[in-house]
Amino acid sequence: MFLLFVAADKTKMAIPYEDREVVKCVYSKFNKSLYFSPASSKIAFTVRDPVHTGIYRVSDPRGFAQR
């Protein structure tokens, strides 16, 4: 719901973010578009501000981790 509220506020569009059916539909469609199942034991990660030095280097700031 909050994401739709922010989108409506920033775009000045009339998005019915208080309508539970709309919210449910949007989030359901989004969740189905994920590249991996929410039940997966993997977790997606992103290194937001990678630090590049001579010692430590982030080769790929996005990926998956598994316990």
N, C-alpha and C. Protein backbone atom coordinates (compact mmCIF):
# COMPACT_ATOMS: atom_id res chain seq x y z
N MET A 1 0.82 -1.17 0.00
CA MET A 1 0.00 0.00 0.00
C MET A 1 0.88 1.26 0.00
N PHE A 2 1.92 1.26 0.79
CA PHE A 2 2.78 2.45 0.90
C PHE A 2 3.43 2.77 -0.43
N LEU A 3 3.89 1.74 -1.14
CA LEU A 3 4.54 1.95 -2.43
C LEU A 3 3.58 2.61 -3.41
N LEU A 4 2.33 2.17 -3.43
CA LEU A 4 1.34 2.78 -4.31
C LEU A 4 1.05 4.22 -3.89
N PHE A 5 1.04 4.47 -2.59
CA PHE A 5 0.84 5.83 -2.08
C PHE A 5 1.97 6.74 -2.56
N VAL A 6 3.20 6.28 -2.45
CA VAL A 6 4.35 7.07 -2.89
C VAL A 6 4.27 7.32 -4.39
N ALA A 7 3.93 6.29 -5.17
CA ALA A 7 3.81 6.45 -6.62
C ALA A 7 2.73 7.47 -6.96
N ALA A 8 1.60 7.41 -6.28
CA ALA A 8 0.52 8.37 -6.53
C ALA A 8 0.97 9.78 -6.17
N ASP A 9 1.66 9.92 -5.06
CA ASP A 9 2.12 11.23 -4.61
C ASP A 9 3.14 11.83 -5.57
N LYS A 10 4.10 11.03 -6.00
CA LYS A 10 5.18 11.54 -6.85
C LYS A 10 4.74 11.80 -8.28
N THR A 11 3.80 11.00 -8.78
CA THR A 11 3.37 11.16 -10.17
C THR A 11 2.14 12.04 -10.30
N LYS A 12 1.54 12.37 -9.15
CA LYS A 12 0.30 13.16 -9.13
C LYS A 12 -0.82 12.48 -9.92
N MET A 13 -0.78 11.13 -9.93
CA MET A 13 -1.80 10.35 -10.61
C MET A 13 -2.78 9.81 -9.57
N ALA A 14 -4.00 9.59 -10.01
CA ALA A 14 -5.03 9.04 -9.12
C ALA A 14 -4.91 7.53 -9.07
N ILE A 15 -4.08 7.03 -8.18
CA ILE A 15 -3.90 5.59 -7.99
C ILE A 15 -4.71 5.20 -6.75
N PRO A 16 -5.64 4.26 -6.88
CA PRO A 16 -6.49 3.89 -5.73
C PRO A 16 -5.74 3.03 -4.72
N TYR A 17 -4.77 3.63 -4.02
CA TYR A 17 -3.91 2.89 -3.10
C TYR A 17 -4.63 2.44 -1.83
N GLU A 18 -5.82 2.94 -1.58
CA GLU A 18 -6.58 2.50 -0.41
C GLU A 18 -7.51 1.33 -0.74
N ASP A 19 -7.65 1.01 -2.01
CA ASP A 19 -8.50 -0.10 -2.44
C ASP A 19 -7.74 -1.41 -2.25
N ARG A 20 -8.17 -2.21 -1.30
CA ARG A 20 -7.45 -3.46 -0.96
C ARG A 20 -7.34 -4.41 -2.15
N GLU A 21 -8.34 -4.46 -3.00
CA GLU A 21 -8.29 -5.35 -4.16
C GLU A 21 -7.23 -4.90 -5.16
N VAL A 22 -7.11 -3.60 -5.35
CA VAL A 22 -6.07 -3.07 -6.25
C VAL A 22 -4.70 -3.37 -5.67
N VAL A 23 -4.52 -3.11 -4.40
CA VAL A 23 -3.24 -3.37 -3.73
C VAL A 23 -2.89 -4.86 -3.84
N LYS A 24 -3.86 -5.72 -3.56
CA LYS A 24 -3.64 -7.16 -3.62
C LYS A 24 -3.24 -7.59 -5.04
N CYS A 25 -3.91 -7.04 -6.03
CA CYS A 25 -3.62 -7.37 -7.43
C CYS A 25 -2.22 -6.92 -7.82
N VAL A 26 -1.84 -5.70 -7.46
CA VAL A 26 -0.51 -5.17 -7.81
C VAL A 26 0.59 -5.98 -7.14
N TYR A 27 0.46 -6.22 -5.85
CA TYR A 27 1.50 -6.97 -5.14
C TYR A 27 1.56 -8.42 -5.60
N SER A 28 0.43 -9.00 -5.93
CA SER A 28 0.41 -10.37 -6.43
C SER A 28 1.14 -10.46 -7.77
N LYS A 29 0.85 -9.51 -8.65
CA LYS A 29 1.50 -9.49 -9.96
C LYS A 29 3.01 -9.28 -9.81
N PHE A 30 3.40 -8.39 -8.90
CA PHE A 30 4.81 -8.14 -8.66
C PHE A 30 5.50 -9.40 -8.13
N ASN A 31 4.89 -10.05 -7.13
CA ASN A 31 5.50 -11.24 -6.54
C ASN A 31 5.65 -12.37 -7.55
N LYS A 32 4.72 -12.46 -8.48
CA LYS A 32 4.81 -13.50 -9.52
C LYS A 32 5.90 -13.19 -10.53
N SER A 33 6.35 -11.94 -10.58
CA SER A 33 7.39 -11.57 -11.54
C SER A 33 8.79 -11.72 -10.97
N LEU A 34 8.90 -12.12 -9.72
CA LEU A 34 10.23 -12.30 -9.11
C LEU A 34 10.99 -13.38 -9.84
N TYR A 35 12.28 -13.24 -9.88
CA TYR A 35 13.13 -14.20 -10.58
C TYR A 35 13.32 -15.50 -9.82
N PHE A 36 12.99 -15.51 -8.56
CA PHE A 36 13.09 -16.72 -7.76
C PHE A 36 11.89 -16.77 -6.84
N SER A 37 11.54 -17.96 -6.43
CA SER A 37 10.38 -18.18 -5.59
C SER A 37 10.60 -17.57 -4.20
N PRO A 38 9.58 -16.93 -3.62
CA PRO A 38 9.71 -16.41 -2.26
C PRO A 38 9.99 -17.51 -1.24
N ALA A 39 9.66 -18.76 -1.59
CA ALA A 39 9.92 -19.89 -0.70
C ALA A 39 11.34 -20.43 -0.84
N SER A 40 12.10 -19.88 -1.77
CA SER A 40 13.46 -20.34 -2.02
C SER A 40 14.36 -20.07 -0.81
N SER A 41 15.38 -20.88 -0.65
CA SER A 41 16.33 -20.67 0.45
C SER A 41 17.39 -19.63 0.07
N LYS A 42 17.31 -19.12 -1.13
CA LYS A 42 18.24 -18.07 -1.57
C LYS A 42 17.72 -16.70 -1.17
N ILE A 43 18.64 -15.77 -1.07
CA ILE A 43 18.28 -14.38 -0.81
C ILE A 43 19.04 -13.51 -1.82
N ALA A 44 18.34 -12.55 -2.38
CA ALA A 44 18.98 -11.63 -3.31
C ALA A 44 19.66 -10.52 -2.52
N PHE A 45 20.81 -10.04 -3.02
CA PHE A 45 21.49 -8.95 -2.32
C PHE A 45 22.01 -7.94 -3.33
N THR A 46 22.18 -6.73 -2.87
CA THR A 46 22.78 -5.65 -3.64
C THR A 46 23.70 -4.88 -2.71
N VAL A 47 24.93 -4.67 -3.14
CA VAL A 47 25.86 -3.83 -2.39
C VAL A 47 25.59 -2.42 -2.88
N ARG A 48 25.00 -1.62 -2.01
CA ARG A 48 24.51 -0.30 -2.42
C ARG A 48 25.62 0.65 -2.84
N ASP A 49 26.63 0.81 -2.04
CA ASP A 49 27.73 1.72 -2.33
C ASP A 49 29.04 0.95 -2.23
N PRO A 50 29.39 0.18 -3.26
CA PRO A 50 30.62 -0.60 -3.18
C PRO A 50 31.86 0.29 -3.08
N VAL A 51 32.78 -0.11 -2.23
CA VAL A 51 34.03 0.61 -2.04
C VAL A 51 35.10 -0.10 -2.87
N HIS A 52 35.73 0.61 -3.75
CA HIS A 52 36.78 0.03 -4.58
C HIS A 52 38.13 0.54 -4.10
N THR A 53 38.92 -0.35 -3.58
CA THR A 53 40.28 -0.01 -3.15
C THR A 53 41.23 -1.01 -3.76
N GLY A 54 42.48 -0.86 -3.48
CA GLY A 54 43.47 -1.80 -3.98
C GLY A 54 43.38 -3.15 -3.29
N ILE A 55 42.80 -3.20 -2.12
CA ILE A 55 42.71 -4.43 -1.34
C ILE A 55 41.35 -5.11 -1.52
N TYR A 56 40.30 -4.33 -1.40
CA TYR A 56 38.95 -4.89 -1.44
C TYR A 56 38.24 -4.40 -2.70
N ARG A 57 37.69 -5.33 -3.45
CA ARG A 57 37.02 -4.95 -4.68
C ARG A 57 35.74 -5.76 -4.85
N VAL A 58 34.66 -5.10 -5.19
CA VAL A 58 33.38 -5.76 -5.44
C VAL A 58 33.30 -6.00 -6.94
N SER A 59 33.33 -7.27 -7.35
CA SER A 59 33.29 -7.57 -8.78
C SER A 59 31.86 -7.55 -9.31
N ASP A 60 30.93 -7.98 -8.48
CA ASP A 60 29.53 -7.99 -8.89
C ASP A 60 28.69 -7.54 -7.70
N PRO A 61 28.16 -6.32 -7.73
CA PRO A 61 27.44 -5.80 -6.57
C PRO A 61 26.04 -6.39 -6.37
N ARG A 62 25.61 -7.26 -7.27
CA ARG A 62 24.30 -7.89 -7.13
C ARG A 62 24.45 -9.39 -7.28
N GLY A 63 23.60 -10.12 -6.56
CA GLY A 63 23.66 -11.57 -6.68
C GLY A 63 22.73 -12.27 -5.70
N PHE A 64 22.99 -13.54 -5.51
CA PHE A 64 22.20 -14.36 -4.59
C PHE A 64 23.13 -15.01 -3.58
N ALA A 65 22.63 -15.16 -2.38
CA ALA A 65 23.36 -15.86 -1.32
C ALA A 65 22.49 -17.00 -0.83
N GLN A 66 23.13 -18.01 -0.30
CA GLN A 66 22.39 -19.15 0.22
C GLN A 66 23.04 -19.59 1.51
N ARG A 67 22.23 -19.91 2.48
CA ARG A 67 22.75 -20.33 3.76
C ARG A 67 23.23 -21.74 3.73
